[in-house]
Amino acid sequence: GTEFMGDGGYPAYPVRTKGAVESTRMHLMYLKVNYPNVLPHGRLGQFEYISMAEAIEQSLALARRLMRDLI
């Protein structure tokens, strides 16, 4: 199905065109090199179309990994 957000009905998911995927790959590489402490995350941060349950699961896994690394 199609997912829409808000009353305006604009799409709330990434559209994975070839150009958009390449642009995202380049931006993620730039962040990794120049801002290693920035962790792009979630639907938009990883440019993935995932369910909210998957997004929450990924967030919890990231939080566990970060907490483990602090100890």
C-alpha atoms as a PDB file:
ATOM      1  CA  GLY A   1       0.000   0.000   0.000  1.00  0.00           C
ATOM      2  CA  THR A   2       0.881   3.645  -0.130  1.00  0.00           C
ATOM      3  CA  GLU A   3       1.713   5.449   3.071  1.00  0.00           C
ATOM      4  CA  PHE A   4       0.881   9.117   3.546  1.00  0.00           C
ATOM      5  CA  MET A   5       1.496  11.429   6.438  1.00  0.00           C
ATOM      6  CA  GLY A   6      -0.468  14.425   7.616  1.00  0.00           C
ATOM      7  CA  ASP A   7      -3.485  16.163   6.163  1.00  0.00           C
ATOM      8  CA  GLY A   8      -1.546  17.356   3.105  1.00  0.00           C
ATOM      9  CA  GLY A   9      -1.115  13.808   1.850  1.00  0.00           C
ATOM     10  CA  TYR A  10       2.570  14.113   0.942  1.00  0.00           C
ATOM     11  CA  PRO A  11       4.559  10.849   0.748  1.00  0.00           C
ATOM     12  CA  ALA A  12       6.312   9.952   3.986  1.00  0.00           C
ATOM     13  CA  TYR A  13       8.734   7.405   2.623  1.00  0.00           C
ATOM     14  CA  PRO A  14      11.941   7.483   0.590  1.00  0.00           C
ATOM     15  CA  VAL A  15      11.570   7.029  -3.154  1.00  0.00           C
ATOM     16  CA  ARG A  16      14.585   4.948  -4.162  1.00  0.00           C
ATOM     17  CA  THR A  17      15.428   6.207  -7.621  1.00  0.00           C
ATOM     18  CA  LYS A  18      18.915   5.547  -9.002  1.00  0.00           C
ATOM     19  CA  GLY A  19      19.898   9.203  -8.526  1.00  0.00           C
ATOM     20  CA  ALA A  20      18.490   9.375  -5.008  1.00  0.00           C
ATOM     21  CA  VAL A  21      20.278   6.186  -3.953  1.00  0.00           C
ATOM     22  CA  GLU A  22      23.604   7.450  -5.331  1.00  0.00           C
ATOM     23  CA  SER A  23      23.142  10.849  -3.679  1.00  0.00           C
ATOM     24  CA  THR A  24      22.348   9.193  -0.351  1.00  0.00           C
ATOM     25  CA  ARG A  25      25.394   6.923  -0.645  1.00  0.00           C
ATOM     26  CA  MET A  26      27.612   9.967  -1.240  1.00  0.00           C
ATOM     27  CA  HIS A  27      26.089  11.894   1.681  1.00  0.00           C
ATOM     28  CA  LEU A  28      26.483   8.936   4.042  1.00  0.00           C
ATOM     29  CA  MET A  29      30.134   8.551   3.020  1.00  0.00           C
ATOM     30  CA  TYR A  30      30.704  12.290   3.583  1.00  0.00           C
ATOM     31  CA  LEU A  31      29.207  12.032   7.075  1.00  0.00           C
ATOM     32  CA  LYS A  32      31.257   8.955   7.914  1.00  0.00           C
ATOM     33  CA  VAL A  33      34.523  10.643   6.886  1.00  0.00           C
ATOM     34  CA  ASN A  34      33.870  14.157   8.213  1.00  0.00           C
ATOM     35  CA  TYR A  35      31.533  13.526  11.155  1.00  0.00           C
ATOM     36  CA  PRO A  36      32.237  10.023  12.481  1.00  0.00           C
ATOM     37  CA  ASN A  37      30.151  10.631  15.609  1.00  0.00           C
ATOM     38  CA  VAL A  38      27.000  11.348  13.575  1.00  0.00           C
ATOM     39  CA  LEU A  39      24.952   8.173  13.193  1.00  0.00           C
ATOM     40  CA  PRO A  40      22.348   8.493  10.414  1.00  0.00           C
ATOM     41  CA  HIS A  41      19.463   6.375  11.541  1.00  0.00           C
ATOM     42  CA  GLY A  42      15.924   5.350  10.776  1.00  0.00           C
ATOM     43  CA  ARG A  43      13.915   5.595   7.582  1.00  0.00           C
ATOM     44  CA  LEU A  44      15.413   8.809   6.326  1.00  0.00           C
ATOM     45  CA  GLY A  45      18.859   8.449   7.848  1.00  0.00           C
ATOM     46  CA  GLN A  46      19.411   5.127   6.104  1.00  0.00           C
ATOM     47  CA  PHE A  47      17.129   5.914   3.137  1.00  0.00           C
ATOM     48  CA  GLU A  48      15.093   2.754   3.656  1.00  0.00           C
ATOM     49  CA  TYR A  49      11.395   2.084   3.480  1.00  0.00           C
ATOM     50  CA  ILE A  50      10.882   0.170   6.707  1.00  0.00           C
ATOM     51  CA  SER A  51       7.932  -0.195   9.040  1.00  0.00           C
ATOM     52  CA  MET A  52       7.789   1.747  12.281  1.00  0.00           C
ATOM     53  CA  ALA A  53       8.269  -1.544  14.152  1.00  0.00           C
ATOM     54  CA  GLU A  54      11.519  -2.117  12.238  1.00  0.00           C
ATOM     55  CA  ALA A  55      12.613   1.477  12.864  1.00  0.00           C
ATOM     56  CA  ILE A  56      12.039   1.068  16.604  1.00  0.00           C
ATOM     57  CA  GLU A  57      13.818  -2.296  16.608  1.00  0.00           C
ATOM     58  CA  GLN A  58      16.819  -0.743  14.842  1.00  0.00           C
ATOM     59  CA  SER A  59      16.824   2.176  17.294  1.00  0.00           C
ATOM     60  CA  LEU A  60      16.856  -0.152  20.287  1.00  0.00           C
ATOM     61  CA  ALA A  61      19.678  -2.219  18.759  1.00  0.00           C
ATOM     62  CA  LEU A  62      21.692   0.958  18.135  1.00  0.00           C
ATOM     63  CA  ALA A  63      21.085   2.153  21.706  1.00  0.00           C
ATOM     64  CA  ARG A  64      22.199  -1.233  23.091  1.00  0.00           C
ATOM     65  CA  ARG A  65      25.355  -1.145  20.941  1.00  0.00           C
ATOM     66  CA  LEU A  66      26.191   2.415  22.028  1.00  0.00           C
ATOM     67  CA  MET A  67      25.616   1.575  25.701  1.00  0.00           C
ATOM     68  CA  ARG A  68      27.775  -1.565  25.405  1.00  0.00           C
ATOM     69  CA  ASP A  69      30.563   0.476  23.819  1.00  0.00           C
ATOM     70  CA  LEU A  70      30.472   2.968  26.713  1.00  0.00           C
ATOM     71  CA  ILE A  71      31.047   0.308  29.351  1.00  0.00           C
END
